[in-house]
Amino acid sequence: MRTISILFCAFVLPLSVKSQDHQNQSITSGKIIYQEKTKLEFRLEGDAAQFADQMPREQISAKILYFNPEYSLYATGENPSGNDMMNMKSHGEGISIRMINDGEKDLIYYDIKNSKKTEQKEFMTRKFLVDEQPVSAEWKITGNFRAISGYNCQEALLQDTSKKVSAWFTTLIPVSSGPAGFGGLPGMILQLEINNGKKVITATTIDPTLSDPTLITKPREGKKVTAEEFRKIVDEKRKEMGEENGQGDNHVVIKIRN
């Protein structure tokens, strides 16, 4: 049996804007469990092409946001699938394919007042600390409404960015934060839709208590780099691994060499 490891990297570069005044102080600290659903696209070459129809079309993972009025920390939750191992057979020969999310243990610490993020990223078993300075951006509130996990939410669209981002936020949780480091709205973001649904992050459980405030701690492990330096490291490693033909974060090229 041959084993193929697929390296799946999903990087989100969120932006933030200045928050507005809040009137409703109903929930200002606690934790929120999110489901991250990412659509996957593959181009298989050589002997692997016969397994194209058996490849997964999406990856689902759980995340947790711990928050208070000043800071938030976005971390990995329990993987709902347990593992990402698939066994495939063709003409009596088996191939085992394992999905590896290289950003699975990433942490995003968000300083709400200063709109500043510190991300602890893990890539190819190495850890990095990426400090991101405040970025000026604009949200446009559309006037659309949607209920998410029992909370009435408003839609806002992120302007002036290469990614199309739709955020659904609620003023019933008047904390200017959200999943994946996004924030800057007059309430908590309970759902994000990125690039026409290629990535969707949705709150599934909202707990208005924070049993241990020390959970919101700024990460300190890893080599300090800028966001630009980290992306350069990733791009160089992808080229080294023969992934230079991949298009975007969710495209993976698999080549089997006998």
Protein backbone atom coordinates (compact mmCIF):
# COMPACT_ATOMS: atom_id res chain seq x y z
CA MET A 1 0.00 0.00 0.00
CA ARG A 2 1.30 3.43 -0.95
CA THR A 3 0.69 6.44 1.24
CA ILE A 4 0.25 9.97 -0.08
CA SER A 5 0.27 12.92 2.29
CA ILE A 6 -1.58 15.99 1.07
CA LEU A 7 -0.53 19.29 2.56
CA PHE A 8 -3.56 21.54 2.82
CA CYS A 9 -2.82 25.14 3.75
CA ALA A 10 -5.60 27.62 4.25
CA PHE A 11 -4.49 31.15 5.06
CA VAL A 12 -6.88 33.92 5.78
CA LEU A 13 -5.58 37.47 5.88
CA PRO A 14 -8.35 39.37 7.69
CA LEU A 15 -8.72 43.12 7.95
CA SER A 16 -10.33 45.27 10.61
CA VAL A 17 -11.77 48.74 11.06
CA LYS A 18 -12.55 50.98 13.99
CA SER A 19 -15.48 49.83 16.09
CA GLN A 20 -18.55 51.93 16.81
CA ASP A 21 -20.23 52.71 20.12
CA HIS A 22 -22.31 49.91 21.63
CA GLN A 23 -25.59 50.41 23.43
CA ASN A 24 -26.56 46.85 24.28
CA GLN A 25 -24.23 45.29 26.86
CA SER A 26 -26.02 41.93 27.11
CA ILE A 27 -22.99 39.65 26.53
CA THR A 28 -19.43 40.96 26.70
CA SER A 29 -17.37 37.86 27.47
CA GLY A 30 -17.55 34.12 26.91
CA LYS A 31 -16.69 31.60 24.22
CA ILE A 32 -18.13 30.74 20.83
CA ILE A 33 -17.67 27.49 18.95
CA TYR A 34 -17.50 27.88 15.18
CA GLN A 35 -17.64 25.39 12.33
CA GLU A 36 -15.20 26.12 9.52
CA LYS A 37 -16.22 24.62 6.19
CA THR A 38 -13.79 24.93 3.28
CA LYS A 39 -14.47 23.75 -0.27
CA LEU A 40 -11.59 21.74 -1.74
CA GLU A 41 -10.51 21.45 -5.35
CA PHE A 42 -7.97 18.95 -6.63
CA ARG A 43 -6.11 18.29 -9.85
CA LEU A 44 -4.77 14.76 -9.79
CA GLU A 45 -2.06 13.61 -12.15
CA GLY A 46 -0.65 10.28 -13.18
CA ASP A 47 -1.95 7.19 -11.41
CA ALA A 48 -3.80 9.33 -8.90
CA ALA A 49 -6.26 10.70 -11.51
CA GLN A 50 -8.44 7.59 -11.20
CA PHE A 51 -9.30 8.60 -7.63
CA ALA A 52 -10.61 12.08 -8.48
CA ASP A 53 -14.25 11.15 -7.83
CA GLN A 54 -13.38 9.75 -4.41
CA MET A 55 -11.66 12.87 -3.12
CA PRO A 56 -13.49 14.94 -0.47
CA ARG A 57 -15.19 18.11 -1.67
CA GLU A 58 -14.92 19.99 1.60
CA GLN A 59 -13.02 20.08 4.86
CA ILE A 60 -14.84 20.73 8.13
CA SER A 61 -13.12 21.74 11.36
CA ALA A 62 -14.12 23.22 14.72
CA LYS A 63 -12.74 26.45 16.18
CA ILE A 64 -13.23 28.27 19.49
CA LEU A 65 -13.24 32.02 20.09
CA TYR A 66 -12.59 33.14 23.67
CA PHE A 67 -13.44 36.81 24.14
CA ASN A 68 -13.85 39.72 26.51
CA PRO A 69 -14.34 43.45 25.75
CA GLU A 70 -10.60 44.01 25.18
CA TYR A 71 -9.14 40.84 23.67
CA SER A 72 -10.06 37.64 21.88
CA LEU A 73 -8.25 34.39 21.04
CA TYR A 74 -9.23 32.14 18.14
CA ALA A 75 -8.04 28.55 18.56
CA THR A 76 -8.64 25.03 17.28
CA GLY A 77 -11.48 23.00 18.72
CA GLU A 78 -12.19 19.29 18.53
CA ASN A 79 -12.08 17.89 15.00
CA PRO A 80 -15.62 16.62 14.31
CA SER A 81 -14.42 13.96 11.86
CA GLY A 82 -11.80 12.52 14.19
CA ASN A 83 -9.28 12.01 11.38
CA ASP A 84 -8.76 12.77 7.72
CA MET A 85 -7.53 9.38 6.54
CA MET A 86 -9.02 7.84 3.38
CA ASN A 87 -8.30 4.42 1.92
CA MET A 88 -8.82 3.93 -1.81
CA LYS A 89 -8.39 0.88 -4.00
CA SER A 90 -8.15 0.34 -7.72
CA HIS A 91 -7.27 -2.83 -9.61
CA GLY A 92 -6.41 -4.54 -6.34
CA GLU A 93 -3.91 -1.91 -5.27
CA GLY A 94 -4.64 0.30 -2.27
CA ILE A 95 -3.64 3.90 -1.73
CA SER A 96 -4.05 5.65 1.61
CA ILE A 97 -4.47 9.43 1.43
CA ARG A 98 -4.20 11.62 4.49
CA MET A 99 -5.40 15.21 4.61
CA ILE A 100 -3.05 17.39 6.65
CA ASN A 101 -4.12 20.90 7.62
CA ASP A 102 -0.84 22.65 8.29
CA GLY A 103 -2.61 25.53 10.07
CA GLU A 104 -4.55 23.27 12.39
CA LYS A 105 -2.87 24.54 15.57
CA ASP A 106 -2.74 28.21 14.65
CA LEU A 107 -3.75 30.84 17.23
CA ILE A 108 -5.06 34.34 16.49
CA TYR A 109 -4.88 36.86 19.30
CA TYR A 110 -6.79 40.08 18.65
CA ASP A 111 -6.25 43.33 20.55
CA ILE A 112 -9.72 44.82 19.98
CA LYS A 113 -9.01 48.36 21.16
CA ASN A 114 -5.95 48.78 18.94
CA SER A 115 -7.20 46.57 16.06
CA LYS A 116 -3.92 44.64 16.18
CA LYS A 117 -3.41 40.92 15.67
CA THR A 118 -0.71 38.47 16.71
CA GLU A 119 -0.89 35.10 15.00
CA GLN A 120 0.98 31.98 16.06
CA LYS A 121 1.28 29.89 12.91
CA GLU A 122 2.64 26.41 12.46
CA PHE A 123 4.06 25.49 9.07
CA MET A 124 6.04 22.34 8.27
CA THR A 125 6.47 21.62 12.02
CA ARG A 126 7.94 25.12 12.60
CA LYS A 127 6.20 27.84 14.61
CA PHE A 128 6.09 31.52 13.69
CA LEU A 129 4.77 34.64 15.42
CA VAL A 130 3.23 37.06 12.94
CA ASP A 131 2.49 40.55 14.26
CA GLU A 132 0.11 42.53 12.09
CA GLN A 133 -0.19 46.28 12.48
CA PRO A 134 -3.65 47.89 12.43
CA VAL A 135 -5.07 47.96 8.90
CA SER A 136 -7.57 50.57 7.78
CA ALA A 137 -10.55 49.13 5.89
CA GLU A 138 -14.22 49.79 5.37
CA TRP A 139 -17.30 47.69 6.11
CA LYS A 140 -20.54 48.42 4.27
CA ILE A 141 -23.70 47.39 6.15
CA THR A 142 -26.21 46.11 3.59
CA GLY A 143 -29.42 46.20 5.61
CA ASN A 144 -29.91 42.44 5.22
CA PHE A 145 -30.78 40.37 8.29
CA ARG A 146 -30.39 36.69 9.18
CA ALA A 147 -30.81 34.59 12.33
CA ILE A 148 -27.69 32.63 13.32
CA SER A 149 -27.68 30.36 16.38
CA GLY A 150 -30.71 32.21 17.74
CA TYR A 151 -29.22 35.69 17.34
CA ASN A 152 -30.51 38.33 14.94
CA CYS A 153 -27.60 39.37 12.72
CA GLN A 154 -26.91 42.09 10.17
CA GLU A 155 -24.80 41.69 7.05
CA ALA A 156 -21.69 43.76 6.32
CA LEU A 157 -19.42 43.56 3.28
CA LEU A 158 -15.70 44.22 3.47
CA GLN A 159 -14.61 46.88 0.98
CA ASP A 160 -11.30 47.44 -0.84
CA THR A 161 -9.88 43.93 -0.55
CA SER A 162 -8.86 41.17 -2.94
CA LYS A 163 -11.09 38.74 -1.07
CA LYS A 164 -14.88 38.97 -1.15
CA VAL A 165 -15.96 38.83 2.49
CA SER A 166 -19.49 38.89 3.88
CA ALA A 167 -19.86 39.10 7.67
CA TRP A 168 -23.01 38.59 9.74
CA PHE A 169 -22.74 40.29 13.14
CA THR A 170 -24.99 40.76 16.15
CA THR A 171 -25.17 43.79 18.44
CA LEU A 172 -26.52 41.53 21.18
CA ILE A 173 -22.87 40.60 21.71
CA PRO A 174 -21.36 44.11 21.55
CA VAL A 175 -17.74 42.99 21.21
CA SER A 176 -15.94 44.07 18.06
CA SER A 177 -14.40 40.71 17.21
CA GLY A 178 -15.08 37.49 15.33
CA PRO A 179 -13.59 34.32 13.87
CA ALA A 180 -10.26 34.10 12.04
CA GLY A 181 -9.13 37.51 13.30
CA PHE A 182 -11.90 39.49 11.61
CA GLY A 183 -13.45 42.33 13.57
CA GLY A 184 -14.17 46.03 13.50
CA LEU A 185 -17.97 45.88 13.48
CA PRO A 186 -20.37 47.07 16.24
CA GLY A 187 -20.95 43.51 17.39
CA MET A 188 -19.68 39.95 17.30
CA ILE A 189 -19.38 38.27 13.91
CA LEU A 190 -21.28 34.96 14.00
CA GLN A 191 -20.80 34.01 10.37
CA LEU A 192 -18.24 34.73 7.65
CA GLU A 193 -18.60 33.89 3.97
CA ILE A 194 -15.38 34.25 1.99
CA ASN A 195 -15.07 34.27 -1.81
CA ASN A 196 -18.65 33.31 -2.61
CA GLY A 197 -18.87 30.51 -0.06
CA LYS A 198 -15.52 28.85 -0.72
CA LYS A 199 -14.98 29.22 3.01
CA VAL A 200 -17.85 29.58 5.48
CA ILE A 201 -17.37 29.99 9.24
CA THR A 202 -20.54 29.72 11.35
CA ALA A 203 -21.16 29.97 15.10
CA THR A 204 -22.81 26.80 16.40
CA THR A 205 -22.63 27.29 20.19
CA ILE A 206 -22.51 30.54 22.18
CA ASP A 207 -21.55 30.37 25.86
CA PRO A 208 -21.88 33.71 27.74
CA THR A 209 -19.47 32.61 30.46
CA LEU A 210 -15.69 32.59 30.47
CA SER A 211 -14.73 30.16 33.21
CA ASP A 212 -10.99 30.83 32.92
CA PRO A 213 -9.95 34.37 31.84
CA THR A 214 -6.34 33.19 31.41
CA LEU A 215 -7.44 31.32 28.28
CA ILE A 216 -7.10 34.64 26.45
CA THR A 217 -3.32 34.83 26.46
CA LYS A 218 -1.12 36.38 23.80
CA PRO A 219 0.87 33.60 22.08
CA ARG A 220 4.65 33.77 22.49
CA GLU A 221 6.03 30.64 20.78
CA GLY A 222 7.76 30.82 17.43
CA LYS A 223 10.08 32.92 15.30
CA LYS A 224 8.93 36.54 14.94
CA VAL A 225 8.26 37.47 11.32
CA THR A 226 6.12 39.93 9.39
CA ALA A 227 3.11 38.76 7.39
CA GLU A 228 5.08 39.34 4.18
CA GLU A 229 8.05 37.32 5.44
CA PHE A 230 5.80 34.43 6.46
CA ARG A 231 4.08 34.32 3.08
CA LYS A 232 7.48 34.27 1.38
CA ILE A 233 8.54 31.29 3.52
CA VAL A 234 5.35 29.42 2.58
CA ASP A 235 5.66 30.21 -1.14
CA GLU A 236 9.28 29.07 -1.27
CA LYS A 237 8.44 25.80 0.49
CA ARG A 238 5.55 25.14 -1.87
CA LYS A 239 7.83 25.59 -4.86
CA GLU A 240 10.34 23.25 -3.26
CA MET A 241 7.60 20.62 -2.89
CA GLY A 242 6.52 20.97 -6.51
CA GLU A 243 3.29 22.84 -5.75
CA GLU A 244 4.10 25.89 -7.88
CA ASN A 245 1.26 25.02 -10.28
CA GLY A 246 -1.39 25.22 -7.57
CA GLN A 247 -3.95 28.00 -7.86
CA GLY A 248 -5.02 29.50 -4.52
CA ASP A 249 -5.08 28.11 -1.01
CA ASN A 250 -7.51 25.25 -1.69
CA HIS A 251 -5.91 23.76 -4.81
CA VAL A 252 -3.52 20.83 -4.38
CA VAL A 253 -1.53 19.01 -7.06
CA ILE A 254 -0.75 15.35 -6.31
CA LYS A 255 1.99 13.63 -8.26
CA ILE A 256 2.79 9.95 -7.78
CA ARG A 257 6.30 8.94 -8.68
CA ASN A 258 7.06 5.22 -8.92
